[in-house]
Every structure is written in structure tokens, then in C-alpha cells.
């Protein structure tokens, strides 16, 4: 999924960028299995890059910069579809995941199950 710059900017203007970092929550979900792969943050620029390039871009709170998922690992996320939540402060992206999503080598970042002892 790729949008024009004008379409992406129009949608970016509708989002509610929260906190000091001026970000929204970005959820990446496998478009086929519906498995949640990861949750991260996006600022306005990362959101626009994602929609215009068709590849997931995030805002790194620790590095304080935009990064494209897979820019070093090759484990890119192709955008298939996207949904803005009712408050406009979170975006769900359905993606085609290449390789693993988690930097620890797992398919999903949600691999640490909570179990009662």
C-alpha cells in the first residue's frame, strides 16, 4: 500500500500526536495470520514515510531518530493496509513481514508469555 504525499499528509494532520515526543502508537500485525508483531512509536514524519514508501518507519525514543524497520537486518515490513483508531492516537498496520520482527530473533516481539507460578 502506497499513498501520494498529499494523501499521507492529509491523514497525518488528523492524528493526535501525544506526549513530549509528539508520537502516535503504531501496531504492526501480520496481514495473513493477524499475529501482533510489534508495537512502537511514530512521529508525523515516520507516518508519512510509511504511507508514501509502503515500508514501516518508526520513531526511536532512545536514538531520537526515524528508522525503517529492517534497515540493517533486512527484515522489512511491507504495508498492506492501515487503520487509524477512534481517538486518532494509534494506528494499526497490516504488514507482510520479511524475516523476524523482533530484534531478539523471534517472529513477534510478544514472545514472553506471562505464566502463573
PDB file of N, CA and C in Angstrom:
ATOM      1  N   UNK A   1       0.846  -1.172   0.000  1.00  0.00           N
ATOM      2  CA  UNK A   1       0.000   0.000   0.000  1.00  0.00           C
ATOM      3  C   UNK A   1       0.892   1.236   0.000  1.00  0.00           C
ATOM      4  N   UNK A   2       0.685   2.077  -0.972  1.00  0.00           N
ATOM      5  CA  UNK A   2       1.421   3.340  -1.042  1.00  0.00           C
ATOM      6  C   UNK A   2       0.449   4.459  -1.382  1.00  0.00           C
ATOM      7  N   UNK A   3       0.592   5.559  -0.682  1.00  0.00           N
ATOM      8  CA  UNK A   3      -0.254   6.721  -0.920  1.00  0.00           C
ATOM      9  C   UNK A   3       0.587   7.873  -1.457  1.00  0.00           C
ATOM     10  N   UNK A   4      -0.085   8.821  -2.062  1.00  0.00           N
ATOM     11  CA  UNK A   4       0.604  10.032  -2.515  1.00  0.00           C
ATOM     12  C   UNK A   4       0.999  10.858  -1.293  1.00  0.00           C
ATOM     13  N   UNK A   5       1.926  11.763  -1.492  1.00  0.00           N
ATOM     14  CA  UNK A   5       2.352  12.656  -0.409  1.00  0.00           C
ATOM     15  C   UNK A   5       1.166  13.468   0.106  1.00  0.00           C
ATOM     16  N   UNK A   6       0.323  13.932  -0.789  1.00  0.00           N
ATOM     17  CA  UNK A   6      -0.839  14.736  -0.392  1.00  0.00           C
ATOM     18  C   UNK A   6      -1.798  13.932   0.482  1.00  0.00           C
ATOM     19  N   UNK A   7      -2.066  12.677   0.080  1.00  0.00           N
ATOM     20  CA  UNK A   7      -2.957  11.815   0.871  1.00  0.00           C
ATOM     21  C   UNK A   7      -2.350  11.536   2.242  1.00  0.00           C
ATOM     22  N   UNK A   8      -1.054  11.228   2.265  1.00  0.00           N
ATOM     23  CA  UNK A   8      -0.377  10.908   3.522  1.00  0.00           C
ATOM     24  C   UNK A   8      -0.375  12.109   4.463  1.00  0.00           C
ATOM     25  N   UNK A   9      -0.114  13.295   3.939  1.00  0.00           N
ATOM     26  CA  UNK A   9      -0.106  14.498   4.773  1.00  0.00           C
ATOM     27  C   UNK A   9      -1.501  14.814   5.304  1.00  0.00           C
ATOM     28  N   UNK A  10      -2.510  14.599   4.483  1.00  0.00           N
ATOM     29  CA  UNK A  10      -3.898  14.832   4.919  1.00  0.00           C
ATOM     30  C   UNK A  10      -4.244  13.917   6.091  1.00  0.00           C
ATOM     31  N   UNK A  11      -3.864  12.647   5.987  1.00  0.00           N
ATOM     32  CA  UNK A  11      -4.119  11.701   7.078  1.00  0.00           C
ATOM     33  C   UNK A  11      -3.276  12.036   8.309  1.00  0.00           C
ATOM     34  N   UNK A  12      -2.030  12.434   8.095  1.00  0.00           N
ATOM     35  CA  UNK A  12      -1.143  12.787   9.210  1.00  0.00           C
ATOM     36  C   UNK A  12      -1.703  13.958  10.007  1.00  0.00           C
ATOM     37  N   UNK A  13      -2.378  14.861   9.325  1.00  0.00           N
ATOM     38  CA  UNK A  13      -2.975  16.019  10.001  1.00  0.00           C
ATOM     39  C   UNK A  13      -4.126  15.624  10.918  1.00  0.00           C
ATOM     40  N   UNK A  14      -4.704  14.458  10.702  1.00  0.00           N
ATOM     41  CA  UNK A  14      -5.841  14.001  11.508  1.00  0.00           C
ATOM     42  C   UNK A  14      -5.413  13.295  12.798  1.00  0.00           C
ATOM     43  N   UNK A  15      -4.136  12.940  12.897  1.00  0.00           N
ATOM     44  CA  UNK A  15      -3.672  12.186  14.061  1.00  0.00           C
ATOM     45  C   UNK A  15      -3.470  13.092  15.268  1.00  0.00           C
ATOM     46  N   UNK A  16      -3.599  12.477  16.451  1.00  0.00           N
ATOM     47  CA  UNK A  16      -3.389  13.170  17.716  1.00  0.00           C
ATOM     48  C   UNK A  16      -2.033  12.729  18.260  1.00  0.00           C
ATOM     49  N   UNK A  17      -1.019  13.551  18.011  1.00  0.00           N
ATOM     50  CA  UNK A  17       0.340  13.239  18.449  1.00  0.00           C
ATOM     51  C   UNK A  17       0.461  13.596  19.921  1.00  0.00           C
ATOM     52  N   UNK A  18       0.732  12.572  20.746  1.00  0.00           N
ATOM     53  CA  UNK A  18       0.714  12.747  22.192  1.00  0.00           C
ATOM     54  C   UNK A  18       2.117  12.792  22.772  1.00  0.00           C
ATOM     55  N   UNK A  19       2.190  13.134  23.989  1.00  0.00           N
ATOM     56  CA  UNK A  19       3.367  13.209  24.850  1.00  0.00           C
ATOM     57  C   UNK A  19       4.409  14.193  24.313  1.00  0.00           C
ATOM     58  N   UNK A  20       5.497  14.298  25.018  1.00  0.00           N
ATOM     59  CA  UNK A  20       6.561  15.243  24.671  1.00  0.00           C
ATOM     60  C   UNK A  20       7.146  14.940  23.295  1.00  0.00           C
ATOM     61  N   UNK A  21       7.200  13.666  22.953  1.00  0.00           N
ATOM     62  CA  UNK A  21       7.790  13.243  21.681  1.00  0.00           C
ATOM     63  C   UNK A  21       6.882  13.504  20.480  1.00  0.00           C
ATOM     64  N   UNK A  22       5.628  13.845  20.733  1.00  0.00           N
ATOM     65  CA  UNK A  22       4.648  14.069  19.650  1.00  0.00           C
ATOM     66  C   UNK A  22       4.564  12.840  18.747  1.00  0.00           C
ATOM     67  N   UNK A  23       4.160  11.725  19.351  1.00  0.00           N
ATOM     68  CA  UNK A  23       4.070  10.460  18.626  1.00  0.00           C
ATOM     69  C   UNK A  23       2.683   9.838  18.756  1.00  0.00           C
ATOM     70  N   UNK A  24       2.447   8.876  17.893  1.00  0.00           N
ATOM     71  CA  UNK A  24       1.279   8.000  17.996  1.00  0.00           C
ATOM     72  C   UNK A  24       1.802   6.579  18.163  1.00  0.00           C
ATOM     73  N   UNK A  25       0.963   5.708  18.677  1.00  0.00           N
ATOM     74  CA  UNK A  25       1.314   4.299  18.804  1.00  0.00           C
ATOM     75  C   UNK A  25       1.114   3.639  17.450  1.00  0.00           C
ATOM     76  N   UNK A  26       2.078   2.814  17.056  1.00  0.00           N
ATOM     77  CA  UNK A  26       1.992   2.080  15.795  1.00  0.00           C
ATOM     78  C   UNK A  26       2.048   0.585  16.096  1.00  0.00           C
ATOM     79  N   UNK A  27       1.011  -0.129  15.689  1.00  0.00           N
ATOM     80  CA  UNK A  27       0.933  -1.574  15.887  1.00  0.00           C
ATOM     81  C   UNK A  27       1.132  -2.239  14.533  1.00  0.00           C
ATOM     82  N   UNK A  28       2.079  -3.166  14.464  1.00  0.00           N
ATOM     83  CA  UNK A  28       2.304  -3.933  13.238  1.00  0.00           C
ATOM     84  C   UNK A  28       1.744  -5.336  13.442  1.00  0.00           C
ATOM     85  N   UNK A  29       0.832  -5.734  12.570  1.00  0.00           N
ATOM     86  CA  UNK A  29       0.149  -7.023  12.659  1.00  0.00           C
ATOM     87  C   UNK A  29       0.321  -7.749  11.329  1.00  0.00           C
ATOM     88  N   UNK A  30       0.604  -9.050  11.381  1.00  0.00           N
ATOM     89  CA  UNK A  30       0.736  -9.841  10.163  1.00  0.00           C
ATOM     90  C   UNK A  30      -0.591  -9.841   9.414  1.00  0.00           C
ATOM     91  N   UNK A  31      -0.556  -9.502   8.142  1.00  0.00           N
ATOM     92  CA  UNK A  31      -1.805  -9.354   7.385  1.00  0.00           C
ATOM     93  C   UNK A  31      -2.512 -10.680   7.143  1.00  0.00           C
ATOM     94  N   UNK A  32      -1.789 -11.796   7.196  1.00  0.00           N
ATOM     95  CA  UNK A  32      -2.424 -13.105   6.980  1.00  0.00           C
ATOM     96  C   UNK A  32      -2.842 -13.765   8.287  1.00  0.00           C
ATOM     97  N   UNK A  33      -1.914 -13.887   9.219  1.00  0.00           N
ATOM     98  CA  UNK A  33      -2.186 -14.632  10.454  1.00  0.00           C
ATOM     99  C   UNK A  33      -2.848 -13.774  11.527  1.00  0.00           C
ATOM    100  N   UNK A  34      -2.763 -12.461  11.381  1.00  0.00           N
ATOM    101  CA  UNK A  34      -3.266 -11.478  12.359  1.00  0.00           C
ATOM    102  C   UNK A  34      -2.450 -11.463  13.652  1.00  0.00           C
ATOM    103  N   UNK A  35      -1.298 -12.127  13.663  1.00  0.00           N
ATOM    104  CA  UNK A  35      -0.410 -12.100  14.821  1.00  0.00           C
ATOM    105  C   UNK A  35       0.139 -10.679  14.998  1.00  0.00           C
ATOM    106  N   UNK A  36       0.111 -10.183  16.239  1.00  0.00           N
ATOM    107  CA  UNK A  36       0.711  -8.884  16.525  1.00  0.00           C
ATOM    108  C   UNK A  36       2.224  -9.078  16.546  1.00  0.00           C
ATOM    109  N   UNK A  37       2.911  -8.337  15.702  1.00  0.00           N
ATOM    110  CA  UNK A  37       4.352  -8.496  15.560  1.00  0.00           C
ATOM    111  C   UNK A  37       5.136  -7.556  16.467  1.00  0.00           C
ATOM    112  N   UNK A  38       4.706  -6.319  16.529  1.00  0.00           N
ATOM    113  CA  UNK A  38       5.406  -5.352  17.370  1.00  0.00           C
ATOM    114  C   UNK A  38       4.561  -4.106  17.579  1.00  0.00           C
ATOM    115  N   UNK A  39       4.924  -3.349  18.599  1.00  0.00           N
ATOM    116  CA  UNK A  39       4.306  -2.059  18.890  1.00  0.00           C
ATOM    117  C   UNK A  39       5.448  -1.064  19.073  1.00  0.00           C
ATOM    118  N   UNK A  40       5.330   0.076  18.412  1.00  0.00           N
ATOM    119  CA  UNK A  40       6.369   1.103  18.503  1.00  0.00           C
ATOM    120  C   UNK A  40       5.705   2.471  18.382  1.00  0.00           C
ATOM    121  N   UNK A  41       6.507   3.486  18.176  1.00  0.00           N
ATOM    122  CA  UNK A  41       6.001   4.850  18.051  1.00  0.00           C
ATOM    123  C   UNK A  41       6.305   5.416  16.674  1.00  0.00           C
ATOM    124  N   UNK A  42       5.461   6.346  16.260  1.00  0.00           N
ATOM    125  CA  UNK A  42       5.677   7.081  15.010  1.00  0.00           C
ATOM    126  C   UNK A  42       5.441   8.557  15.271  1.00  0.00           C
ATOM    127  N   UNK A  43       6.325   9.382  14.741  1.00  0.00           N
ATOM    128  CA  UNK A  43       6.017  10.802  14.706  1.00  0.00           C
ATOM    129  C   UNK A  43       5.388  11.090  13.340  1.00  0.00           C
ATOM    130  N   UNK A  44       5.075  12.324  13.080  1.00  0.00           N
ATOM    131  CA  UNK A  44       4.387  12.680  11.836  1.00  0.00           C
ATOM    132  C   UNK A  44       5.209  12.267  10.613  1.00  0.00           C
ATOM    133  N   UNK A  45       6.504  12.549  10.649  1.00  0.00           N
ATOM    134  CA  UNK A  45       7.365  12.238   9.506  1.00  0.00           C
ATOM    135  C   UNK A  45       7.453  10.731   9.251  1.00  0.00           C
ATOM    136  N   UNK A  46       7.561   9.939  10.313  1.00  0.00           N
ATOM    137  CA  UNK A  46       7.623   8.481  10.154  1.00  0.00           C
ATOM    138  C   UNK A  46       6.318   7.944   9.574  1.00  0.00           C
ATOM    139  N   UNK A  47       5.197   8.516  10.011  1.00  0.00           N
ATOM    140  CA  UNK A  47       3.888   8.113   9.490  1.00  0.00           C
ATOM    141  C   UNK A  47       3.805   8.401   7.992  1.00  0.00           C
ATOM    142  N   UNK A  48       4.218   9.582   7.586  1.00  0.00           N
ATOM    143  CA  UNK A  48       4.169   9.955   6.171  1.00  0.00           C
ATOM    144  C   UNK A  48       5.115   9.085   5.343  1.00  0.00           C
ATOM    145  N   UNK A  49       6.327   8.848   5.826  1.00  0.00           N
ATOM    146  CA  UNK A  49       7.273   7.978   5.104  1.00  0.00           C
ATOM    147  C   UNK A  49       6.701   6.579   4.935  1.00  0.00           C
ATOM    148  N   UNK A  50       6.067   6.072   5.985  1.00  0.00           N
ATOM    149  CA  UNK A  50       5.468   4.739   5.928  1.00  0.00           C
ATOM    150  C   UNK A  50       4.421   4.668   4.826  1.00  0.00           C
ATOM    151  N   UNK A  51       3.538   5.645   4.788  1.00  0.00           N
ATOM    152  CA  UNK A  51       2.453   5.617   3.803  1.00  0.00           C
ATOM    153  C   UNK A  51       2.923   5.889   2.382  1.00  0.00           C
ATOM    154  N   UNK A  52       3.932   6.722   2.205  1.00  0.00           N
ATOM    155  CA  UNK A  52       4.377   7.044   0.846  1.00  0.00           C
ATOM    156  C   UNK A  52       5.354   6.016   0.287  1.00  0.00           C
ATOM    157  N   UNK A  53       6.113   5.356   1.152  1.00  0.00           N
ATOM    158  CA  UNK A  53       7.082   4.359   0.691  1.00  0.00           C
ATOM    159  C   UNK A  53       6.540   2.935   0.740  1.00  0.00           C
ATOM    160  N   UNK A  54       5.501   2.715   1.559  1.00  0.00           N
ATOM    161  CA  UNK A  54       4.938   1.379   1.679  1.00  0.00           C
ATOM    162  C   UNK A  54       5.741   0.447   2.561  1.00  0.00           C
ATOM    163  N   UNK A  55       6.688   0.995   3.314  1.00  0.00           N
ATOM    164  CA  UNK A  55       7.510   0.231   4.252  1.00  0.00           C
ATOM    165  C   UNK A  55       7.440   0.912   5.612  1.00  0.00           C
ATOM    166  N   UNK A  56       7.423   0.105   6.672  1.00  0.00           N
ATOM    167  CA  UNK A  56       7.247   0.646   8.017  1.00  0.00           C
ATOM    168  C   UNK A  56       8.459   1.460   8.472  1.00  0.00           C
ATOM    169  N   UNK A  57       8.173   2.668   8.967  1.00  0.00           N
ATOM    170  CA  UNK A  57       9.154   3.559   9.571  1.00  0.00           C
ATOM    171  C   UNK A  57       8.651   3.910  10.968  1.00  0.00           C
ATOM    172  N   UNK A  58       9.567   3.990  11.909  1.00  0.00           N
ATOM    173  CA  UNK A  58       9.208   4.269  13.292  1.00  0.00           C
ATOM    174  C   UNK A  58      10.062   5.405  13.835  1.00  0.00           C
ATOM    175  N   UNK A  59       9.623   5.968  14.969  1.00  0.00           N
ATOM    176  CA  UNK A  59      10.415   6.950  15.696  1.00  0.00           C
ATOM    177  C   UNK A  59      11.043   6.244  16.881  1.00  0.00           C
ATOM    178  N   UNK A  60      12.362   6.259  16.958  1.00  0.00           N
ATOM    179  CA  UNK A  60      13.072   5.646  18.073  1.00  0.00           C
ATOM    180  C   UNK A  60      13.172   6.639  19.223  1.00  0.00           C
ATOM    181  N   UNK A  61      12.572   6.292  20.351  1.00  0.00           N
ATOM    182  CA  UNK A  61      12.638   7.154  21.531  1.00  0.00           C
ATOM    183  C   UNK A  61      14.060   7.226  22.076  1.00  0.00           C
ATOM    184  N   UNK A  62      14.805   6.130  22.000  1.00  0.00           N
ATOM    185  CA  UNK A  62      16.160   6.109  22.551  1.00  0.00           C
ATOM    186  C   UNK A  62      17.170   6.781  21.620  1.00  0.00           C
ATOM    187  N   UNK A  63      17.064   6.528  20.325  1.00  0.00           N
ATOM    188  CA  UNK A  63      18.007   7.121  19.365  1.00  0.00           C
ATOM    189  C   UNK A  63      17.554   8.497  18.873  1.00  0.00           C
ATOM    190  N   UNK A  64      16.301   8.816  19.147  1.00  0.00           N
ATOM    191  CA  UNK A  64      15.711  10.093  18.751  1.00  0.00           C
ATOM    192  C   UNK A  64      15.856  10.347  17.252  1.00  0.00           C
ATOM    193  N   UNK A  65      15.495   9.314  16.480  1.00  0.00           N
ATOM    194  CA  UNK A  65      15.519   9.448  15.027  1.00  0.00           C
ATOM    195  C   UNK A  65      14.539   8.470  14.400  1.00  0.00           C
ATOM    196  N   UNK A  66      14.198   8.724  13.150  1.00  0.00           N
ATOM    197  CA  UNK A  66      13.340   7.814  12.392  1.00  0.00           C
ATOM    198  C   UNK A  66      14.194   6.655  11.902  1.00  0.00           C
ATOM    199  N   UNK A  67      13.625   5.466  11.950  1.00  0.00           N
ATOM    200  CA  UNK A  67      14.312   4.302  11.389  1.00  0.00           C
ATOM    201  C   UNK A  67      13.319   3.459  10.614  1.00  0.00           C
ATOM    202  N   UNK A  68      13.803   2.889   9.528  1.00  0.00           N
ATOM    203  CA  UNK A  68      12.979   1.981   8.745  1.00  0.00           C
ATOM    204  C   UNK A  68      13.180   0.577   9.289  1.00  0.00           C
ATOM    205  N   UNK A  69      12.101  -0.105   9.584  1.00  0.00           N
ATOM    206  CA  UNK A  69      12.196  -1.480  10.077  1.00  0.00           C
ATOM    207  C   UNK A  69      12.936  -2.303   9.034  1.00  0.00           C
ATOM    208  N   UNK A  70      13.997  -2.959   9.455  1.00  0.00           N
ATOM    209  CA  UNK A  70      14.784  -3.794   8.561  1.00  0.00           C
ATOM    210  C   UNK A  70      15.911  -3.077   7.850  1.00  0.00           C
ATOM    211  N   UNK A  71      16.176  -1.818   8.208  1.00  0.00           N
ATOM    212  CA  UNK A  71      17.216  -1.062   7.505  1.00  0.00           C
ATOM    213  C   UNK A  71      18.597  -1.690   7.653  1.00  0.00           C
ATOM    214  N   UNK A  72      18.840  -2.407   8.742  1.00  0.00           N
ATOM    215  CA  UNK A  72      20.124  -3.096   8.891  1.00  0.00           C
ATOM    216  C   UNK A  72      19.975  -4.611   8.789  1.00  0.00           C
ATOM    217  N   UNK A  73      18.861  -5.151   9.256  1.00  0.00           N
ATOM    218  CA  UNK A  73      18.658  -6.611   9.265  1.00  0.00           C
ATOM    219  C   UNK A  73      18.090  -7.155   7.965  1.00  0.00           C
ATOM    220  N   UNK A  74      17.422  -6.304   7.199  1.00  0.00           N
ATOM    221  CA  UNK A  74      16.722  -6.770   6.003  1.00  0.00           C
ATOM    222  C   UNK A  74      15.323  -7.279   6.297  1.00  0.00           C
ATOM    223  N   UNK A  75      14.928  -7.286   7.571  1.00  0.00           N
ATOM    224  CA  UNK A  75      13.608  -7.783   7.980  1.00  0.00           C
ATOM    225  C   UNK A  75      12.558  -6.677   7.855  1.00  0.00           C
ATOM    226  N   UNK A  76      12.307  -6.276   6.625  1.00  0.00           N
ATOM    227  CA  UNK A  76      11.388  -5.167   6.381  1.00  0.00           C
ATOM    228  C   UNK A  76       9.938  -5.593   6.571  1.00  0.00           C
ATOM    229  N   UNK A  77       9.095  -4.583   6.751  1.00  0.00           N
ATOM    230  CA  UNK A  77       7.652  -4.788   6.874  1.00  0.00           C
ATOM    231  C   UNK A  77       6.973  -3.999   5.760  1.00  0.00           C
ATOM    232  N   UNK A  78       6.356  -4.712   4.817  1.00  0.00           N
ATOM    233  CA  UNK A  78       5.615  -4.072   3.733  1.00  0.00           C
ATOM    234  C   UNK A  78       4.195  -3.787   4.199  1.00  0.00           C
ATOM    235  N   UNK A  79       3.737  -2.573   4.000  1.00  0.00           N
ATOM    236  CA  UNK A  79       2.394  -2.187   4.419  1.00  0.00           C
ATOM    237  C   UNK A  79       1.370  -2.716   3.422  1.00  0.00           C
ATOM    238  N   UNK A  80       0.382  -3.457   3.936  1.00  0.00           N
ATOM    239  CA  UNK A  80      -0.710  -3.992   3.122  1.00  0.00           C
ATOM    240  C   UNK A  80      -1.968  -3.147   3.318  1.00  0.00           C
ATOM    241  N   UNK A  81      -2.222  -2.746   4.564  1.00  0.00           N
ATOM    242  CA  UNK A  81      -3.415  -1.973   4.891  1.00  0.00           C
ATOM    243  C   UNK A  81      -3.153  -1.224   6.195  1.00  0.00           C
ATOM    244  N   UNK A  82      -3.976  -0.224   6.502  1.00  0.00           N
ATOM    245  CA  UNK A  82      -3.782   0.549   7.729  1.00  0.00           C
ATOM    246  C   UNK A  82      -5.110   1.097   8.228  1.00  0.00           C
ATOM    247  N   UNK A  83      -5.215   1.218   9.553  1.00  0.00           N
ATOM    248  CA  UNK A  83      -6.423   1.717  10.215  1.00  0.00           C
ATOM    249  C   UNK A  83      -6.028   2.680  11.327  1.00  0.00           C
ATOM    250  N   UNK A  84      -6.693   3.823  11.388  1.00  0.00           N
ATOM    251  CA  UNK A  84      -6.500   4.773  12.480  1.00  0.00           C
ATOM    252  C   UNK A  84      -7.584   4.507  13.517  1.00  0.00           C
ATOM    253  N   UNK A  85      -7.207   4.484  14.800  1.00  0.00           N
ATOM    254  CA  UNK A  85      -8.202   4.215  15.845  1.00  0.00           C
ATOM    255  C   UNK A  85      -9.123   5.418  16.046  1.00  0.00           C
ATOM    256  N   UNK A  86     -10.167   5.214  16.841  1.00  0.00           N
ATOM    257  CA  UNK A  86     -11.216   6.221  17.019  1.00  0.00           C
ATOM    258  C   UNK A  86     -10.717   7.511  17.662  1.00  0.00           C
ATOM    259  N   UNK A  87      -9.645   7.449  18.461  1.00  0.00           N
ATOM    260  CA  UNK A  87      -9.099   8.646  19.096  1.00  0.00           C
ATOM    261  C   UNK A  87      -8.046   9.339  18.236  1.00  0.00           C
ATOM    262  N   UNK A  88      -7.567   8.649  17.220  1.00  0.00           N
ATOM    263  CA  UNK A  88      -6.548   9.217  16.349  1.00  0.00           C
ATOM    264  C   UNK A  88      -5.155   9.222  16.939  1.00  0.00           C
ATOM    265  N   UNK A  89      -4.950   8.441  18.020  1.00  0.00           N
ATOM    266  CA  UNK A  89      -3.625   8.414  18.635  1.00  0.00           C
ATOM    267  C   UNK A  89      -2.919   7.069  18.493  1.00  0.00           C
ATOM    268  N   UNK A  90      -3.489   6.185  17.686  1.00  0.00           N
ATOM    269  CA  UNK A  90      -2.869   4.889  17.415  1.00  0.00           C
ATOM    270  C   UNK A  90      -3.235   4.455  16.000  1.00  0.00           C
ATOM    271  N   UNK A  91      -2.290   3.754  15.366  1.00  0.00           N
ATOM    272  CA  UNK A  91      -2.507   3.279  14.003  1.00  0.00           C
ATOM    273  C   UNK A  91      -2.153   1.799  13.943  1.00  0.00           C
ATOM    274  N   UNK A  92      -3.045   1.018  13.357  1.00  0.00           N
ATOM    275  CA  UNK A  92      -2.824  -0.407  13.146  1.00  0.00           C
ATOM    276  C   UNK A  92      -2.404  -0.600  11.696  1.00  0.00           C
ATOM    277  N   UNK A  93      -1.252  -1.223  11.499  1.00  0.00           N
ATOM    278  CA  UNK A  93      -0.756  -1.521  10.162  1.00  0.00           C
ATOM    279  C   UNK A  93      -0.762  -3.026   9.953  1.00  0.00           C
ATOM    280  N   UNK A  94      -1.413  -3.469   8.897  1.00  0.00           N
ATOM    281  CA  UNK A  94      -1.330  -4.865   8.491  1.00  0.00           C
ATOM    282  C   UNK A  94      -0.153  -4.951   7.538  1.00  0.00           C
ATOM    283  N   UNK A  95       0.792  -5.834   7.853  1.00  0.00           N
ATOM    284  CA  UNK A  95       2.051  -5.869   7.113  1.00  0.00           C
ATOM    285  C   UNK A  95       2.397  -7.269   6.624  1.00  0.00           C
ATOM    286  N   UNK A  96       3.211  -7.285   5.590  1.00  0.00           N
ATOM    287  CA  UNK A  96       3.850  -8.524   5.150  1.00  0.00           C
ATOM    288  C   UNK A  96       5.251  -8.473   5.740  1.00  0.00           C
ATOM    289  N   UNK A  97       5.496  -9.346   6.711  1.00  0.00           N
ATOM    290  CA  UNK A  97       6.769  -9.359   7.422  1.00  0.00           C
ATOM    291  C   UNK A  97       7.784 -10.207   6.663  1.00  0.00           C
ATOM    292  N   UNK A  98       8.953  -9.647   6.412  1.00  0.00           N
ATOM    293  CA  UNK A  98      10.063 -10.389   5.813  1.00  0.00           C
ATOM    294  C   UNK A  98      11.042 -10.712   6.933  1.00  0.00           C
ATOM    295  N   UNK A  99      11.259 -11.996   7.196  1.00  0.00           N
ATOM    296  CA  UNK A  99      12.113 -12.389   8.311  1.00  0.00           C
ATOM    297  C   UNK A  99      11.383 -12.196   9.626  1.00  0.00           C
ATOM    298  N   UNK A 100      12.146 -12.010  10.684  1.00  0.00           N
ATOM    299  CA  UNK A 100      11.569 -11.839  12.021  1.00  0.00           C
ATOM    300  C   UNK A 100      11.354 -10.367  12.337  1.00  0.00           C
ATOM    301  N   UNK A 101      10.322 -10.084  13.115  1.00  0.00           N
ATOM    302  CA  UNK A 101      10.043  -8.703  13.518  1.00  0.00           C
ATOM    303  C   UNK A 101      10.868  -8.295  14.736  1.00  0.00           C
ATOM    304  N   UNK A 102      11.118  -9.223  15.621  1.00  0.00           N
ATOM    305  CA  UNK A 102      11.787  -8.918  16.885  1.00  0.00           C
ATOM    306  C   UNK A 102      13.307  -8.867  16.714  1.00  0.00           C
ATOM    307  N   UNK A 103      13.932  -7.881  17.332  1.00  0.00           N
ATOM    308  CA  UNK A 103      15.391  -7.762  17.264  1.00  0.00           C
ATOM    309  C   UNK A 103      16.099  -8.888  18.022  1.00  0.00           C
ATOM    310  N   UNK A 104      15.346  -9.653  18.823  1.00  0.00           N
ATOM    311  CA  UNK A 104      15.919 -10.801  19.535  1.00  0.00           C
ATOM    312  C   UNK A 104      15.840 -12.073  18.704  1.00  0.00           C
ATOM    313  N   UNK A 105      15.370 -11.966  17.463  1.00  0.00           N
ATOM    314  CA  UNK A 105      15.345 -13.117  16.565  1.00  0.00           C
ATOM    315  C   UNK A 105      14.041 -13.891  16.539  1.00  0.00           C
ATOM    316  N   UNK A 106      13.008 -13.389  17.182  1.00  0.00           N
ATOM    317  CA  UNK A 106      11.702 -14.044  17.191  1.00  0.00           C
ATOM    318  C   UNK A 106      10.798 -13.421  16.132  1.00  0.00           C
ATOM    319  N   UNK A 107       9.820 -14.178  15.686  1.00  0.00           N
ATOM    320  CA  UNK A 107       8.869 -13.661  14.699  1.00  0.00           C
ATOM    321  C   UNK A 107       8.144 -12.429  15.244  1.00  0.00           C
ATOM    322  N   UNK A 108       7.706 -12.506  16.505  1.00  0.00           N
ATOM    323  CA  UNK A 108       6.969 -11.424  17.151  1.00  0.00           C
ATOM    324  C   UNK A 108       7.728 -10.940  18.382  1.00  0.00           C
ATOM    325  N   UNK A 109       7.582  -9.676  18.694  1.00  0.00           N
ATOM    326  CA  UNK A 109       8.163  -9.143  19.930  1.00  0.00           C
ATOM    327  C   UNK A 109       7.415  -9.658  21.157  1.00  0.00           C
ATOM    328  N   UNK A 110       6.235 -10.224  20.943  1.00  0.00           N
ATOM    329  CA  UNK A 110       5.410 -10.729  22.043  1.00  0.00           C
ATOM    330  C   UNK A 110       5.629 -12.228  22.228  1.00  0.00           C
ATOM    331  N   UNK A 111       6.841 -12.576  22.655  1.00  0.00           N
ATOM    332  CA  UNK A 111       7.207 -13.980  22.851  1.00  0.00           C
ATOM    333  C   UNK A 111       7.424 -14.324  24.319  1.00  0.00           C
ATOM    334  N   UNK A 112       7.272 -13.350  25.204  1.00  0.00           N
ATOM    335  CA  UNK A 112       7.446 -13.576  26.646  1.00  0.00           C
ATOM    336  C   UNK A 112       6.088 -13.725  27.314  1.00  0.00           C
ATOM    337  N   UNK A 113       5.592 -14.939  27.325  1.00  0.00           N
ATOM    338  CA  UNK A 113       4.270 -15.207  27.885  1.00  0.00           C
ATOM    339  C   UNK A 113       4.279 -15.070  29.403  1.00  0.00           C
ATOM    340  N   UNK A 114       3.239 -14.458  29.940  1.00  0.00           N
ATOM    341  CA  UNK A 114       3.076 -14.345  31.388  1.00  0.00           C
ATOM    342  C   UNK A 114       2.397 -15.619  31.878  1.00  0.00           C
ATOM    343  N   UNK A 115       3.045 -16.287  32.836  1.00  0.00           N
ATOM    344  CA  UNK A 115       2.506 -17.539  33.379  1.00  0.00           C
ATOM    345  C   UNK A 115       2.415 -17.429  34.891  1.00  0.00           C
ATOM    346  N   UNK A 116       1.383 -18.042  35.447  1.00  0.00           N
ATOM    347  CA  UNK A 116       1.296 -18.086  36.907  1.00  0.00           C
ATOM    348  C   UNK A 116       2.240 -19.164  37.414  1.00  0.00           C
ATOM    349  N   UNK A 117       2.767 -18.942  38.597  1.00  0.00           N
ATOM    350  CA  UNK A 117       3.722 -19.917  39.149  1.00  0.00           C
ATOM    351  C   UNK A 117       3.118 -20.753  40.227  1.00  0.00           C
TER     352      UNK A 117
END
